[in-house]
Amino acid sequence: MRELGLLLSVISMIIGLLLLMAPKILIQLGDKTNKLYNIDGYVYRNRYLFGGFLVVAGTFLIYTTI
């Protein structure tokens, strides 16, 4: 269970950092993966909020897992 928490926290931090620093990479990835429902417009309009939240959440998960 500890490994899953660490994995999810690292993924969360990576996505958060990409939202903050390189959103075009996530747009390209989203174009390839979004098949059912596309929330990209909402996420990218508020990318600083979502990116910051994901980085904080990932950091918190690492802190509580270790």
C-alpha atoms as a PDB file:
ATOM      1  CA  MET A   1       0.000   0.000   0.000  1.00  0.00           C
ATOM      2  CA  ARG A   2       2.906   2.316   0.724  1.00  0.00           C
ATOM      3  CA  GLU A   3       4.263   1.859  -2.790  1.00  0.00           C
ATOM      4  CA  LEU A   4       0.886   2.749  -4.299  1.00  0.00           C
ATOM      5  CA  GLY A   5       0.769   5.958  -2.253  1.00  0.00           C
ATOM      6  CA  LEU A   6       4.254   6.920  -3.407  1.00  0.00           C
ATOM      7  CA  LEU A   7       3.420   6.124  -7.029  1.00  0.00           C
ATOM      8  CA  LEU A   8       0.223   8.186  -6.965  1.00  0.00           C
ATOM      9  CA  SER A   9       1.985  11.091  -5.292  1.00  0.00           C
ATOM     10  CA  VAL A  10       4.781  11.137  -7.861  1.00  0.00           C
ATOM     11  CA  ILE A  11       2.273  10.973 -10.729  1.00  0.00           C
ATOM     12  CA  SER A  12       0.275  13.780  -9.141  1.00  0.00           C
ATOM     13  CA  MET A  13       3.359  15.956  -8.772  1.00  0.00           C
ATOM     14  CA  ILE A  14       4.466  15.307 -12.364  1.00  0.00           C
ATOM     15  CA  ILE A  15       1.060  16.230 -13.767  1.00  0.00           C
ATOM     16  CA  GLY A  16       0.913  19.308 -11.536  1.00  0.00           C
ATOM     17  CA  LEU A  17       4.347  20.473 -12.647  1.00  0.00           C
ATOM     18  CA  LEU A  18       3.455  19.895 -16.297  1.00  0.00           C
ATOM     19  CA  LEU A  19       0.292  21.963 -15.844  1.00  0.00           C
ATOM     20  CA  LEU A  20       2.349  24.779 -14.368  1.00  0.00           C
ATOM     21  CA  MET A  21       5.347  24.682 -16.704  1.00  0.00           C
ATOM     22  CA  ALA A  22       4.530  22.818 -19.931  1.00  0.00           C
ATOM     23  CA  PRO A  23       0.790  22.608 -20.559  1.00  0.00           C
ATOM     24  CA  LYS A  24       1.308  21.944 -24.284  1.00  0.00           C
ATOM     25  CA  ILE A  25       2.689  18.487 -23.467  1.00  0.00           C
ATOM     26  CA  LEU A  26      -0.484  17.646 -21.548  1.00  0.00           C
ATOM     27  CA  ILE A  27      -2.635  19.007 -24.370  1.00  0.00           C
ATOM     28  CA  GLN A  28      -0.898  16.687 -26.830  1.00  0.00           C
ATOM     29  CA  LEU A  29      -1.277  13.748 -24.450  1.00  0.00           C
ATOM     30  CA  GLY A  30      -4.914  14.645 -23.827  1.00  0.00           C
ATOM     31  CA  ASP A  31      -5.650  14.742 -27.543  1.00  0.00           C
ATOM     32  CA  LYS A  32      -4.469  11.149 -27.760  1.00  0.00           C
ATOM     33  CA  THR A  33      -6.244   9.864 -24.644  1.00  0.00           C
ATOM     34  CA  ASN A  34      -9.538  11.781 -24.357  1.00  0.00           C
ATOM     35  CA  LYS A  35     -12.200   9.638 -25.936  1.00  0.00           C
ATOM     36  CA  LEU A  36     -15.309   9.897 -23.742  1.00  0.00           C
ATOM     37  CA  TYR A  37     -15.386  13.250 -21.992  1.00  0.00           C
ATOM     38  CA  ASN A  38     -13.160  16.256 -22.517  1.00  0.00           C
ATOM     39  CA  ILE A  39     -12.617  18.561 -19.529  1.00  0.00           C
ATOM     40  CA  ASP A  40      -9.408  20.050 -20.894  1.00  0.00           C
ATOM     41  CA  GLY A  41     -10.910  23.476 -21.471  1.00  0.00           C
ATOM     42  CA  TYR A  42     -11.889  23.868 -17.828  1.00  0.00           C
ATOM     43  CA  VAL A  43      -8.610  22.447 -16.517  1.00  0.00           C
ATOM     44  CA  TYR A  44      -6.413  24.571 -18.783  1.00  0.00           C
ATOM     45  CA  ARG A  45      -8.354  27.760 -18.037  1.00  0.00           C
ATOM     46  CA  ASN A  46      -7.590  27.113 -14.363  1.00  0.00           C
ATOM     47  CA  ARG A  47      -4.232  25.423 -14.833  1.00  0.00           C
ATOM     48  CA  TYR A  48      -2.441  27.311 -12.057  1.00  0.00           C
ATOM     49  CA  LEU A  49      -5.099  26.281  -9.553  1.00  0.00           C
ATOM     50  CA  PHE A  50      -5.117  22.630 -10.652  1.00  0.00           C
ATOM     51  CA  GLY A  51      -1.342  22.442 -11.061  1.00  0.00           C
ATOM     52  CA  GLY A  52      -0.676  23.956  -7.656  1.00  0.00           C
ATOM     53  CA  PHE A  53      -3.230  21.678  -6.031  1.00  0.00           C
ATOM     54  CA  LEU A  54      -1.702  18.568  -7.597  1.00  0.00           C
ATOM     55  CA  VAL A  55       1.825  19.526  -6.533  1.00  0.00           C
ATOM     56  CA  VAL A  56       0.647  20.195  -2.966  1.00  0.00           C
ATOM     57  CA  ALA A  57      -1.393  16.979  -2.911  1.00  0.00           C
ATOM     58  CA  GLY A  58       1.564  14.950  -4.193  1.00  0.00           C
ATOM     59  CA  THR A  59       3.880  16.498  -1.630  1.00  0.00           C
ATOM     60  CA  PHE A  60       1.378  15.766   1.142  1.00  0.00           C
ATOM     61  CA  LEU A  61       0.997  12.163  -0.008  1.00  0.00           C
ATOM     62  CA  ILE A  62       4.758  11.660   0.005  1.00  0.00           C
ATOM     63  CA  TYR A  63       5.013  13.248   3.455  1.00  0.00           C
ATOM     64  CA  THR A  64       2.280  11.051   4.932  1.00  0.00           C
ATOM     65  CA  THR A  65       3.512   7.882   3.203  1.00  0.00           C
ATOM     66  CA  ILE A  66       7.114   8.142   4.358  1.00  0.00           C
END
